[in-house]
Amino acid sequence: MNKAGEIRVIALGLIRNGERIFLSEGYDPVKQETFYRALGGGVEFGETSRAALEREFQEEIQADLTNIKYLGCIENLFIFNGRQGHEIIQLYQCDFADSKFYQLENLVFSESPHHKHRALWIDISRLKSGEFRLVPEVFFEYL
């Protein structure tokens, strides 16, 4: 989450495997709602969004990416944990370089010592039906 009053620039990667997509699970304690979004993270000063995407996948799940293709830029205004958020998302389509990631059902990773997250493959039909909540919803345009 960005600091109050700041816009955060992030790079996220959509990875498909047939009719499944690899997403990170999140939870908003105020809304008491689980949601799913593409993996990635913040772009650091002096770093390209593509380099940030590759770095974030390495840091979070020790995965190399291949076939990286820029899809577009999305402005995302949202409320998380009762606070206003504002992101500029540089969105990429990509693949895992190591096929072992396509065999996993899910994996647990840490962004920090106190925050563990789960990433998993979800059938796109379950997102479209509303069974699982995809954020931001504009991502549906890229599925």
C-alpha atoms as a PDB file:
ATOM      1  CA  MET A   1       0.000   0.000   0.000  1.00  0.00           C
ATOM      2  CA  ASN A   2       1.277   3.442  -0.858  1.00  0.00           C
ATOM      3  CA  LYS A   3       1.740   6.211   1.698  1.00  0.00           C
ATOM      4  CA  ALA A   4      -1.220   8.542   2.159  1.00  0.00           C
ATOM      5  CA  GLY A   5      -1.375  11.122  -0.611  1.00  0.00           C
ATOM      6  CA  GLU A   6       1.144   9.361  -2.865  1.00  0.00           C
ATOM      7  CA  ILE A   7       0.724   7.658  -6.207  1.00  0.00           C
ATOM      8  CA  ARG A   8       2.521   4.313  -6.413  1.00  0.00           C
ATOM      9  CA  VAL A   9       3.934   3.026  -9.706  1.00  0.00           C
ATOM     10  CA  ILE A  10       3.872  -0.763  -9.952  1.00  0.00           C
ATOM     11  CA  ALA A  11       4.610  -3.416 -12.581  1.00  0.00           C
ATOM     12  CA  LEU A  12       2.399  -6.518 -12.678  1.00  0.00           C
ATOM     13  CA  GLY A  13       2.630  -9.666 -14.783  1.00  0.00           C
ATOM     14  CA  LEU A  14      -0.306 -11.673 -16.128  1.00  0.00           C
ATOM     15  CA  ILE A  15       0.751 -15.296 -16.578  1.00  0.00           C
ATOM     16  CA  ARG A  16      -1.660 -17.705 -18.254  1.00  0.00           C
ATOM     17  CA  ASN A  17      -1.632 -21.452 -18.586  1.00  0.00           C
ATOM     18  CA  GLY A  18      -4.484 -22.373 -20.886  1.00  0.00           C
ATOM     19  CA  GLU A  19      -7.630 -21.146 -19.155  1.00  0.00           C
ATOM     20  CA  ARG A  20      -5.875 -20.548 -15.826  1.00  0.00           C
ATOM     21  CA  ILE A  21      -4.104 -17.442 -14.566  1.00  0.00           C
ATOM     22  CA  PHE A  22      -1.485 -17.147 -11.804  1.00  0.00           C
ATOM     23  CA  LEU A  23      -2.600 -14.661  -9.134  1.00  0.00           C
ATOM     24  CA  SER A  24      -1.719 -13.498  -5.641  1.00  0.00           C
ATOM     25  CA  GLU A  25      -4.373 -13.730  -2.943  1.00  0.00           C
ATOM     26  CA  GLY A  26      -5.020 -10.691  -0.760  1.00  0.00           C
ATOM     27  CA  TYR A  27      -7.400  -9.860   2.056  1.00  0.00           C
ATOM     28  CA  ASP A  28      -8.973  -6.559   3.071  1.00  0.00           C
ATOM     29  CA  PRO A  29      -9.715  -6.757   6.827  1.00  0.00           C
ATOM     30  CA  VAL A  30     -12.042  -3.737   6.782  1.00  0.00           C
ATOM     31  CA  LYS A  31     -14.212  -5.094   3.963  1.00  0.00           C
ATOM     32  CA  GLN A  32     -13.606  -8.680   5.177  1.00  0.00           C
ATOM     33  CA  GLU A  33     -13.065  -9.611   1.554  1.00  0.00           C
ATOM     34  CA  THR A  34     -10.573 -11.819  -0.271  1.00  0.00           C
ATOM     35  CA  PHE A  35      -9.335 -10.622  -3.651  1.00  0.00           C
ATOM     36  CA  TYR A  36      -6.840 -11.721  -6.324  1.00  0.00           C
ATOM     37  CA  ARG A  37      -4.393  -9.723  -8.410  1.00  0.00           C
ATOM     38  CA  ALA A  38      -1.430 -10.305 -10.680  1.00  0.00           C
ATOM     39  CA  LEU A  39       2.004 -10.638  -9.079  1.00  0.00           C
ATOM     40  CA  GLY A  40       4.588  -7.897  -9.209  1.00  0.00           C
ATOM     41  CA  GLY A  41       5.382  -4.801  -7.214  1.00  0.00           C
ATOM     42  CA  GLY A  42       6.793  -1.327  -6.965  1.00  0.00           C
ATOM     43  CA  VAL A  43       9.006   0.332  -9.535  1.00  0.00           C
ATOM     44  CA  GLU A  44      12.024   1.920  -7.873  1.00  0.00           C
ATOM     45  CA  PHE A  45      13.495   5.272  -8.910  1.00  0.00           C
ATOM     46  CA  GLY A  46      15.843   4.787 -11.880  1.00  0.00           C
ATOM     47  CA  GLU A  47      14.415   1.343 -12.700  1.00  0.00           C
ATOM     48  CA  THR A  48      12.325   0.465 -15.743  1.00  0.00           C
ATOM     49  CA  SER A  49       8.953  -1.162 -15.125  1.00  0.00           C
ATOM     50  CA  ARG A  50      10.105  -4.281 -16.995  1.00  0.00           C
ATOM     51  CA  ALA A  51      13.194  -4.572 -14.770  1.00  0.00           C
ATOM     52  CA  ALA A  52      10.969  -4.071 -11.700  1.00  0.00           C
ATOM     53  CA  LEU A  53       8.662  -6.862 -12.863  1.00  0.00           C
ATOM     54  CA  GLU A  54      11.555  -9.279 -13.266  1.00  0.00           C
ATOM     55  CA  ARG A  55      13.075  -8.242  -9.916  1.00  0.00           C
ATOM     56  CA  GLU A  56       9.783  -8.609  -8.054  1.00  0.00           C
ATOM     57  CA  PHE A  57       9.174 -12.125  -9.397  1.00  0.00           C
ATOM     58  CA  GLN A  58      12.720 -13.067  -8.363  1.00  0.00           C
ATOM     59  CA  GLU A  59      12.333 -11.556  -4.884  1.00  0.00           C
ATOM     60  CA  GLU A  60       8.862 -12.911  -4.193  1.00  0.00           C
ATOM     61  CA  ILE A  61       8.862 -16.409  -5.685  1.00  0.00           C
ATOM     62  CA  GLN A  62      12.383 -16.895  -7.113  1.00  0.00           C
ATOM     63  CA  ALA A  63      11.024 -17.129 -10.656  1.00  0.00           C
ATOM     64  CA  ASP A  64      12.545 -15.986 -13.936  1.00  0.00           C
ATOM     65  CA  LEU A  65      10.224 -14.686 -16.650  1.00  0.00           C
ATOM     66  CA  THR A  66      10.279 -15.070 -20.410  1.00  0.00           C
ATOM     67  CA  ASN A  67       8.171 -13.842 -23.368  1.00  0.00           C
ATOM     68  CA  ILE A  68       7.576 -10.535 -21.574  1.00  0.00           C
ATOM     69  CA  LYS A  69       5.185  -8.324 -23.549  1.00  0.00           C
ATOM     70  CA  TYR A  70       3.948  -4.879 -22.495  1.00  0.00           C
ATOM     71  CA  LEU A  71       0.136  -4.693 -22.471  1.00  0.00           C
ATOM     72  CA  GLY A  72      -0.513  -1.167 -21.267  1.00  0.00           C
ATOM     73  CA  CYS A  73      -0.829   1.331 -18.463  1.00  0.00           C
ATOM     74  CA  ILE A  74      -3.750   1.341 -16.022  1.00  0.00           C
ATOM     75  CA  GLU A  75      -4.629   3.954 -13.426  1.00  0.00           C
ATOM     76  CA  ASN A  76      -6.127   2.271 -10.363  1.00  0.00           C
ATOM     77  CA  LEU A  77      -8.015   4.189  -7.659  1.00  0.00           C
ATOM     78  CA  PHE A  78      -9.184   1.964  -4.817  1.00  0.00           C
ATOM     79  CA  ILE A  79      -9.946   1.647  -1.103  1.00  0.00           C
ATOM     80  CA  PHE A  80      -7.913  -0.921   0.868  1.00  0.00           C
ATOM     81  CA  ASN A  81      -8.016  -1.373   4.636  1.00  0.00           C
ATOM     82  CA  GLY A  82     -10.206   1.731   4.830  1.00  0.00           C
ATOM     83  CA  ARG A  83      -7.642   3.956   3.085  1.00  0.00           C
ATOM     84  CA  GLN A  84      -7.601   5.514  -0.376  1.00  0.00           C
ATOM     85  CA  GLY A  85      -5.024   4.017  -2.721  1.00  0.00           C
ATOM     86  CA  HIS A  86      -3.776   5.264  -6.088  1.00  0.00           C
ATOM     87  CA  GLU A  87      -1.583   3.212  -8.425  1.00  0.00           C
ATOM     88  CA  ILE A  88      -0.227   3.508 -11.921  1.00  0.00           C
ATOM     89  CA  ILE A  89       0.073  -0.076 -13.158  1.00  0.00           C
ATOM     90  CA  GLN A  90       2.455  -1.030 -15.949  1.00  0.00           C
ATOM     91  CA  LEU A  91       0.906  -4.319 -17.062  1.00  0.00           C
ATOM     92  CA  TYR A  92       2.795  -7.117 -18.790  1.00  0.00           C
ATOM     93  CA  GLN A  93       1.917 -10.515 -20.180  1.00  0.00           C
ATOM     94  CA  CYS A  94       4.655 -13.059 -19.526  1.00  0.00           C
ATOM     95  CA  ASP A  95       5.509 -16.711 -18.977  1.00  0.00           C
ATOM     96  CA  PHE A  96       7.512 -18.579 -16.376  1.00  0.00           C
ATOM     97  CA  ALA A  97      10.940 -19.608 -17.679  1.00  0.00           C
ATOM     98  CA  ASP A  98      10.863 -22.738 -15.484  1.00  0.00           C
ATOM     99  CA  SER A  99       7.989 -25.115 -16.272  1.00  0.00           C
ATOM    100  CA  LYS A 100       7.858 -26.281 -12.626  1.00  0.00           C
ATOM    101  CA  PHE A 101       5.697 -23.242 -11.820  1.00  0.00           C
ATOM    102  CA  TYR A 102       2.985 -24.534 -14.151  1.00  0.00           C
ATOM    103  CA  GLN A 103       2.792 -27.771 -12.130  1.00  0.00           C
ATOM    104  CA  LEU A 104       2.157 -26.022  -8.789  1.00  0.00           C
ATOM    105  CA  GLU A 105      -1.360 -25.597  -7.465  1.00  0.00           C
ATOM    106  CA  ASN A 106      -0.217 -22.798  -5.138  1.00  0.00           C
ATOM    107  CA  LEU A 107       2.780 -21.468  -3.236  1.00  0.00           C
ATOM    108  CA  VAL A 108       3.331 -19.285  -0.186  1.00  0.00           C
ATOM    109  CA  PHE A 109       5.713 -16.331  -0.383  1.00  0.00           C
ATOM    110  CA  SER A 110       6.733 -13.427   1.841  1.00  0.00           C
ATOM    111  CA  GLU A 111       6.915  -9.767   0.884  1.00  0.00           C
ATOM    112  CA  SER A 112       8.233  -9.063   4.382  1.00  0.00           C
ATOM    113  CA  PRO A 113       8.848 -11.125   7.546  1.00  0.00           C
ATOM    114  CA  HIS A 114       5.332 -10.323   8.802  1.00  0.00           C
ATOM    115  CA  HIS A 115       3.325 -10.681   5.589  1.00  0.00           C
ATOM    116  CA  LYS A 116       2.883 -14.068   3.959  1.00  0.00           C
ATOM    117  CA  HIS A 117       0.857 -14.379   0.776  1.00  0.00           C
ATOM    118  CA  ARG A 118      -0.418 -17.214  -1.353  1.00  0.00           C
ATOM    119  CA  ALA A 119      -0.154 -17.342  -5.136  1.00  0.00           C
ATOM    120  CA  LEU A 120      -2.224 -19.838  -7.068  1.00  0.00           C
ATOM    121  CA  TRP A 121      -3.615 -20.834 -10.426  1.00  0.00           C
ATOM    122  CA  ILE A 122      -7.278 -19.859 -10.850  1.00  0.00           C
ATOM    123  CA  ASP A 123      -9.573 -20.802 -13.705  1.00  0.00           C
ATOM    124  CA  ILE A 124     -10.507 -17.636 -15.591  1.00  0.00           C
ATOM    125  CA  SER A 125     -14.136 -18.813 -15.669  1.00  0.00           C
ATOM    126  CA  ARG A 126     -14.220 -18.662 -11.838  1.00  0.00           C
ATOM    127  CA  LEU A 127     -13.068 -15.038 -11.984  1.00  0.00           C
ATOM    128  CA  LYS A 128     -15.603 -14.120 -14.662  1.00  0.00           C
ATOM    129  CA  SER A 129     -18.421 -15.779 -12.681  1.00  0.00           C
ATOM    130  CA  GLY A 130     -17.560 -13.682  -9.615  1.00  0.00           C
ATOM    131  CA  GLU A 131     -16.614 -16.689  -7.482  1.00  0.00           C
ATOM    132  CA  PHE A 132     -13.168 -15.089  -7.091  1.00  0.00           C
ATOM    133  CA  ARG A 133     -12.713 -11.294  -7.133  1.00  0.00           C
ATOM    134  CA  LEU A 134     -10.087 -10.019  -9.591  1.00  0.00           C
ATOM    135  CA  VAL A 135      -8.620  -6.563  -8.933  1.00  0.00           C
ATOM    136  CA  PRO A 136      -8.522  -4.210 -10.592  1.00  0.00           C
ATOM    137  CA  GLU A 137     -11.544  -5.292 -12.608  1.00  0.00           C
ATOM    138  CA  VAL A 138     -10.126  -3.687 -15.763  1.00  0.00           C
ATOM    139  CA  PHE A 139      -7.784  -6.734 -15.903  1.00  0.00           C
ATOM    140  CA  PHE A 140     -10.717  -8.649 -17.416  1.00  0.00           C
ATOM    141  CA  GLU A 141     -10.052  -6.740 -20.649  1.00  0.00           C
ATOM    142  CA  TYR A 142      -6.664  -8.493 -20.862  1.00  0.00           C
ATOM    143  CA  LEU A 143      -7.821 -12.063 -20.214  1.00  0.00           C
END
